[in-house]
Amino acid sequence: MQHSPSMYISYFGIRVTDLERSIRFYQEVFGLRVVRKGDFSEKGGGKYALLRDAVSGQRIELNWYADGSRYAVKYEPGEGLDHIGVKVDSVAEMQKRLAGKGIEIVSLPETLSTQHLSSTFTMHIGFVKDPDGNWIGLYDHDRPVQPYDPDSY
């Protein structure tokens, strides 16, 4: 399958047990800087921080989930991959296409699948699973897929 110009791998998300401690670690040890933080815990999700390496442009998303959250699975050191983030033109269209290929779609509540981040910026979020059960996060927003911008999702 040839790479589609309408999507790209954007970041890797890992689960952490203490978000602020992990942010400090990645800042102090690797020189990463926070480019975005968010909190979806009141909507059934978790808290996150997106960090970027100024030299390579590589990004990592740190994800923390409260006890009792559907996503707060038992933490096993070394098994903290939360998801791979892929920017697509349309989450709904991509999920439909992937479901047609037999790929498992993860259902999300509406409170998490559509995020109105400002009066002019809406993001849609969806997940699928790879053959080993790893989650792949699909997201779209009002801006179509364009050349990579390391400071934006």
C-alpha atoms as a PDB file:
ATOM      1  CA  MET A   1       0.000   0.000   0.000  1.00  0.00           C
ATOM      2  CA  GLN A   2       1.404   3.371  -0.970  1.00  0.00           C
ATOM      3  CA  HIS A   3       1.499   6.210   1.557  1.00  0.00           C
ATOM      4  CA  SER A   4      -1.418   8.581   1.183  1.00  0.00           C
ATOM      5  CA  PRO A   5      -0.665  12.314   1.076  1.00  0.00           C
ATOM      6  CA  SER A   6      -3.828  12.817   3.144  1.00  0.00           C
ATOM      7  CA  MET A   7      -2.264  11.484   6.373  1.00  0.00           C
ATOM      8  CA  TYR A   8       1.002  11.270   8.320  1.00  0.00           C
ATOM      9  CA  ILE A   9       2.294   9.814  11.595  1.00  0.00           C
ATOM     10  CA  SER A  10       2.293  12.741  13.980  1.00  0.00           C
ATOM     11  CA  TYR A  11       3.559  11.495  17.376  1.00  0.00           C
ATOM     12  CA  PHE A  12       3.798   8.542  19.769  1.00  0.00           C
ATOM     13  CA  GLY A  13       1.749   8.627  22.965  1.00  0.00           C
ATOM     14  CA  ILE A  14       2.937   6.868  26.095  1.00  0.00           C
ATOM     15  CA  ARG A  15       1.137   6.308  29.394  1.00  0.00           C
ATOM     16  CA  VAL A  16       2.740   7.807  32.487  1.00  0.00           C
ATOM     17  CA  THR A  17       1.931   7.503  36.177  1.00  0.00           C
ATOM     18  CA  ASP A  18       2.681  11.137  37.112  1.00  0.00           C
ATOM     19  CA  LEU A  19       2.270  13.669  34.309  1.00  0.00           C
ATOM     20  CA  GLU A  20       4.142  16.602  35.852  1.00  0.00           C
ATOM     21  CA  ARG A  21       7.054  14.395  36.944  1.00  0.00           C
ATOM     22  CA  SER A  22       7.309  12.958  33.419  1.00  0.00           C
ATOM     23  CA  ILE A  23       7.161  16.409  31.826  1.00  0.00           C
ATOM     24  CA  ARG A  24      10.045  17.555  34.041  1.00  0.00           C
ATOM     25  CA  PHE A  25      12.031  14.421  33.180  1.00  0.00           C
ATOM     26  CA  TYR A  26      11.699  14.844  29.400  1.00  0.00           C
ATOM     27  CA  GLN A  27      12.447  18.566  29.671  1.00  0.00           C
ATOM     28  CA  GLU A  28      15.467  18.258  31.951  1.00  0.00           C
ATOM     29  CA  VAL A  29      17.025  15.080  30.570  1.00  0.00           C
ATOM     30  CA  PHE A  30      16.278  15.427  26.844  1.00  0.00           C
ATOM     31  CA  GLY A  31      15.630  19.164  26.444  1.00  0.00           C
ATOM     32  CA  LEU A  32      12.118  18.666  25.050  1.00  0.00           C
ATOM     33  CA  ARG A  33       9.696  21.552  25.303  1.00  0.00           C
ATOM     34  CA  VAL A  34       5.960  21.423  25.940  1.00  0.00           C
ATOM     35  CA  VAL A  35       4.012  22.626  22.905  1.00  0.00           C
ATOM     36  CA  ARG A  36       0.528  21.760  24.168  1.00  0.00           C
ATOM     37  CA  LYS A  37      -1.250  20.467  27.282  1.00  0.00           C
ATOM     38  CA  GLY A  38      -4.834  19.379  27.765  1.00  0.00           C
ATOM     39  CA  ASP A  39      -7.275  17.804  30.160  1.00  0.00           C
ATOM     40  CA  PHE A  40     -10.094  15.534  28.993  1.00  0.00           C
ATOM     41  CA  SER A  41     -10.561  13.845  32.398  1.00  0.00           C
ATOM     42  CA  GLU A  42     -13.970  15.437  33.021  1.00  0.00           C
ATOM     43  CA  LYS A  43     -15.111  14.012  29.673  1.00  0.00           C
ATOM     44  CA  GLY A  44     -13.951  10.464  30.461  1.00  0.00           C
ATOM     45  CA  GLY A  45     -10.409  10.728  29.107  1.00  0.00           C
ATOM     46  CA  GLY A  46      -7.180  11.806  30.717  1.00  0.00           C
ATOM     47  CA  LYS A  47      -4.600  14.572  30.828  1.00  0.00           C
ATOM     48  CA  TYR A  48      -1.864  14.944  28.245  1.00  0.00           C
ATOM     49  CA  ALA A  49       1.197  16.962  27.279  1.00  0.00           C
ATOM     50  CA  LEU A  50       2.734  17.100  23.805  1.00  0.00           C
ATOM     51  CA  LEU A  51       6.505  17.666  23.854  1.00  0.00           C
ATOM     52  CA  ARG A  52       8.870  18.324  20.947  1.00  0.00           C
ATOM     53  CA  ASP A  53      12.582  17.932  20.356  1.00  0.00           C
ATOM     54  CA  ALA A  54      13.884  21.204  18.887  1.00  0.00           C
ATOM     55  CA  VAL A  55      16.630  19.472  16.905  1.00  0.00           C
ATOM     56  CA  SER A  56      14.809  16.544  15.280  1.00  0.00           C
ATOM     57  CA  GLY A  57      11.230  17.818  15.447  1.00  0.00           C
ATOM     58  CA  GLN A  58      10.189  14.436  16.901  1.00  0.00           C
ATOM     59  CA  ARG A  59       7.249  14.546  19.284  1.00  0.00           C
ATOM     60  CA  ILE A  60       5.981  12.497  22.173  1.00  0.00           C
ATOM     61  CA  GLU A  61       2.617  12.772  23.913  1.00  0.00           C
ATOM     62  CA  LEU A  62       2.542  11.911  27.611  1.00  0.00           C
ATOM     63  CA  ASN A  63      -0.842  10.540  28.732  1.00  0.00           C
ATOM     64  CA  TRP A  64      -2.090  10.167  32.301  1.00  0.00           C
ATOM     65  CA  TYR A  65      -5.410   8.542  33.284  1.00  0.00           C
ATOM     66  CA  ALA A  66      -7.070   8.665  36.704  1.00  0.00           C
ATOM     67  CA  ASP A  67      -7.939   5.462  38.553  1.00  0.00           C
ATOM     68  CA  GLY A  68     -11.354   4.296  37.397  1.00  0.00           C
ATOM     69  CA  SER A  69     -10.949   5.672  33.873  1.00  0.00           C
ATOM     70  CA  ARG A  70     -11.736   3.182  31.107  1.00  0.00           C
ATOM     71  CA  TYR A  71      -8.226   3.902  29.775  1.00  0.00           C
ATOM     72  CA  ALA A  72      -6.336   3.497  33.079  1.00  0.00           C
ATOM     73  CA  VAL A  73      -5.117  -0.032  32.491  1.00  0.00           C
ATOM     74  CA  LYS A  74      -2.641  -1.600  34.906  1.00  0.00           C
ATOM     75  CA  TYR A  75       0.736   0.023  34.365  1.00  0.00           C
ATOM     76  CA  GLU A  76       3.571  -2.354  33.533  1.00  0.00           C
ATOM     77  CA  PRO A  77       6.988  -0.701  33.126  1.00  0.00           C
ATOM     78  CA  GLY A  78       8.143  -0.978  29.524  1.00  0.00           C
ATOM     79  CA  GLU A  79       4.610  -1.496  28.232  1.00  0.00           C
ATOM     80  CA  GLY A  80       3.543   2.141  28.350  1.00  0.00           C
ATOM     81  CA  LEU A  81       2.760   2.690  24.667  1.00  0.00           C
ATOM     82  CA  ASP A  82      -0.609   4.398  24.765  1.00  0.00           C
ATOM     83  CA  HIS A  83      -1.107   5.015  21.043  1.00  0.00           C
ATOM     84  CA  ILE A  84       0.416   6.192  17.784  1.00  0.00           C
ATOM     85  CA  GLY A  85      -1.133   9.474  16.558  1.00  0.00           C
ATOM     86  CA  VAL A  86      -1.990   9.760  12.854  1.00  0.00           C
ATOM     87  CA  LYS A  87      -3.328  12.997  11.325  1.00  0.00           C
ATOM     88  CA  VAL A  88      -5.948  12.249   8.634  1.00  0.00           C
ATOM     89  CA  ASP A  89      -8.260  14.349   6.490  1.00  0.00           C
ATOM     90  CA  SER A  90     -11.388  12.717   7.962  1.00  0.00           C
ATOM     91  CA  VAL A  91     -11.616  10.353  10.936  1.00  0.00           C
ATOM     92  CA  ALA A  92     -15.085   9.152   9.883  1.00  0.00           C
ATOM     93  CA  GLU A  93     -14.002   8.354   6.331  1.00  0.00           C
ATOM     94  CA  MET A  94     -10.767   6.677   7.433  1.00  0.00           C
ATOM     95  CA  GLN A  95     -12.557   4.514  10.022  1.00  0.00           C
ATOM     96  CA  LYS A  96     -15.128   3.488   7.427  1.00  0.00           C
ATOM     97  CA  ARG A  97     -12.371   2.544   4.985  1.00  0.00           C
ATOM     98  CA  LEU A  98     -10.425   0.615   7.616  1.00  0.00           C
ATOM     99  CA  ALA A  99     -13.528  -1.174   8.946  1.00  0.00           C
ATOM    100  CA  GLY A 100     -14.127  -2.336   5.366  1.00  0.00           C
ATOM    101  CA  LYS A 101     -10.700  -4.002   5.530  1.00  0.00           C
ATOM    102  CA  GLY A 102     -11.626  -5.803   8.763  1.00  0.00           C
ATOM    103  CA  ILE A 103      -9.619  -3.509  11.044  1.00  0.00           C
ATOM    104  CA  GLU A 104     -11.056  -3.183  14.562  1.00  0.00           C
ATOM    105  CA  ILE A 105     -12.562   0.216  15.364  1.00  0.00           C
ATOM    106  CA  VAL A 106     -12.508   1.348  19.016  1.00  0.00           C
ATOM    107  CA  SER A 107     -15.720   3.061  20.038  1.00  0.00           C
ATOM    108  CA  LEU A 108     -15.430   6.338  21.923  1.00  0.00           C
ATOM    109  CA  PRO A 109     -18.115   8.332  23.710  1.00  0.00           C
ATOM    110  CA  GLU A 110     -19.156  11.536  21.908  1.00  0.00           C
ATOM    111  CA  THR A 111     -17.614  13.549  24.754  1.00  0.00           C
ATOM    112  CA  LEU A 112     -14.189  12.376  23.572  1.00  0.00           C
ATOM    113  CA  SER A 113     -14.644  11.878  19.829  1.00  0.00           C
ATOM    114  CA  THR A 114     -15.496  15.529  19.100  1.00  0.00           C
ATOM    115  CA  GLN A 115     -13.552  18.287  20.827  1.00  0.00           C
ATOM    116  CA  HIS A 116     -14.450  21.959  20.402  1.00  0.00           C
ATOM    117  CA  LEU A 117     -11.111  23.417  21.442  1.00  0.00           C
ATOM    118  CA  SER A 118     -12.125  26.987  20.595  1.00  0.00           C
ATOM    119  CA  SER A 119     -14.921  28.767  18.765  1.00  0.00           C
ATOM    120  CA  THR A 120     -13.017  28.222  15.516  1.00  0.00           C
ATOM    121  CA  PHE A 121     -11.187  24.933  16.115  1.00  0.00           C
ATOM    122  CA  THR A 122     -12.865  21.516  16.306  1.00  0.00           C
ATOM    123  CA  MET A 123     -10.986  18.209  16.452  1.00  0.00           C
ATOM    124  CA  HIS A 124     -12.400  14.725  15.804  1.00  0.00           C
ATOM    125  CA  ILE A 125     -10.717  11.737  17.416  1.00  0.00           C
ATOM    126  CA  GLY A 126     -11.051   8.037  16.711  1.00  0.00           C
ATOM    127  CA  PHE A 127      -9.056   4.874  17.336  1.00  0.00           C
ATOM    128  CA  VAL A 128      -8.387   1.621  15.537  1.00  0.00           C
ATOM    129  CA  LYS A 129      -6.267  -1.362  16.600  1.00  0.00           C
ATOM    130  CA  ASP A 130      -3.372  -2.921  14.764  1.00  0.00           C
ATOM    131  CA  PRO A 131      -3.140  -6.741  14.504  1.00  0.00           C
ATOM    132  CA  ASP A 132      -1.479  -6.948  17.939  1.00  0.00           C
ATOM    133  CA  GLY A 133      -4.063  -4.748  19.650  1.00  0.00           C
ATOM    134  CA  ASN A 134      -1.948  -1.555  19.736  1.00  0.00           C
ATOM    135  CA  TRP A 135      -4.122   1.542  19.536  1.00  0.00           C
ATOM    136  CA  ILE A 136      -3.694   3.936  16.627  1.00  0.00           C
ATOM    137  CA  GLY A 137      -5.264   7.336  17.236  1.00  0.00           C
ATOM    138  CA  LEU A 138      -6.760   9.034  14.193  1.00  0.00           C
ATOM    139  CA  TYR A 139      -7.537  12.725  14.364  1.00  0.00           C
ATOM    140  CA  ASP A 140      -8.681  15.471  12.070  1.00  0.00           C
ATOM    141  CA  HIS A 141      -9.470  19.120  12.503  1.00  0.00           C
ATOM    142  CA  ASP A 142     -10.576  22.147  10.562  1.00  0.00           C
ATOM    143  CA  ARG A 143      -7.204  22.446   8.865  1.00  0.00           C
ATOM    144  CA  PRO A 144      -6.583  19.793   6.173  1.00  0.00           C
ATOM    145  CA  VAL A 145      -3.415  17.695   6.124  1.00  0.00           C
ATOM    146  CA  GLN A 146      -0.599  20.030   5.127  1.00  0.00           C
ATOM    147  CA  PRO A 147       3.178  19.953   5.366  1.00  0.00           C
ATOM    148  CA  TYR A 148       4.335  18.949   8.822  1.00  0.00           C
ATOM    149  CA  ASP A 149       4.284  21.628  11.540  1.00  0.00           C
ATOM    150  CA  PRO A 150       6.201  20.438  14.629  1.00  0.00           C
ATOM    151  CA  ASP A 151       4.329  22.774  16.989  1.00  0.00           C
ATOM    152  CA  SER A 152       0.810  21.712  15.989  1.00  0.00           C
ATOM    153  CA  TYR A 153      -1.125  18.462  16.041  1.00  0.00           C
END
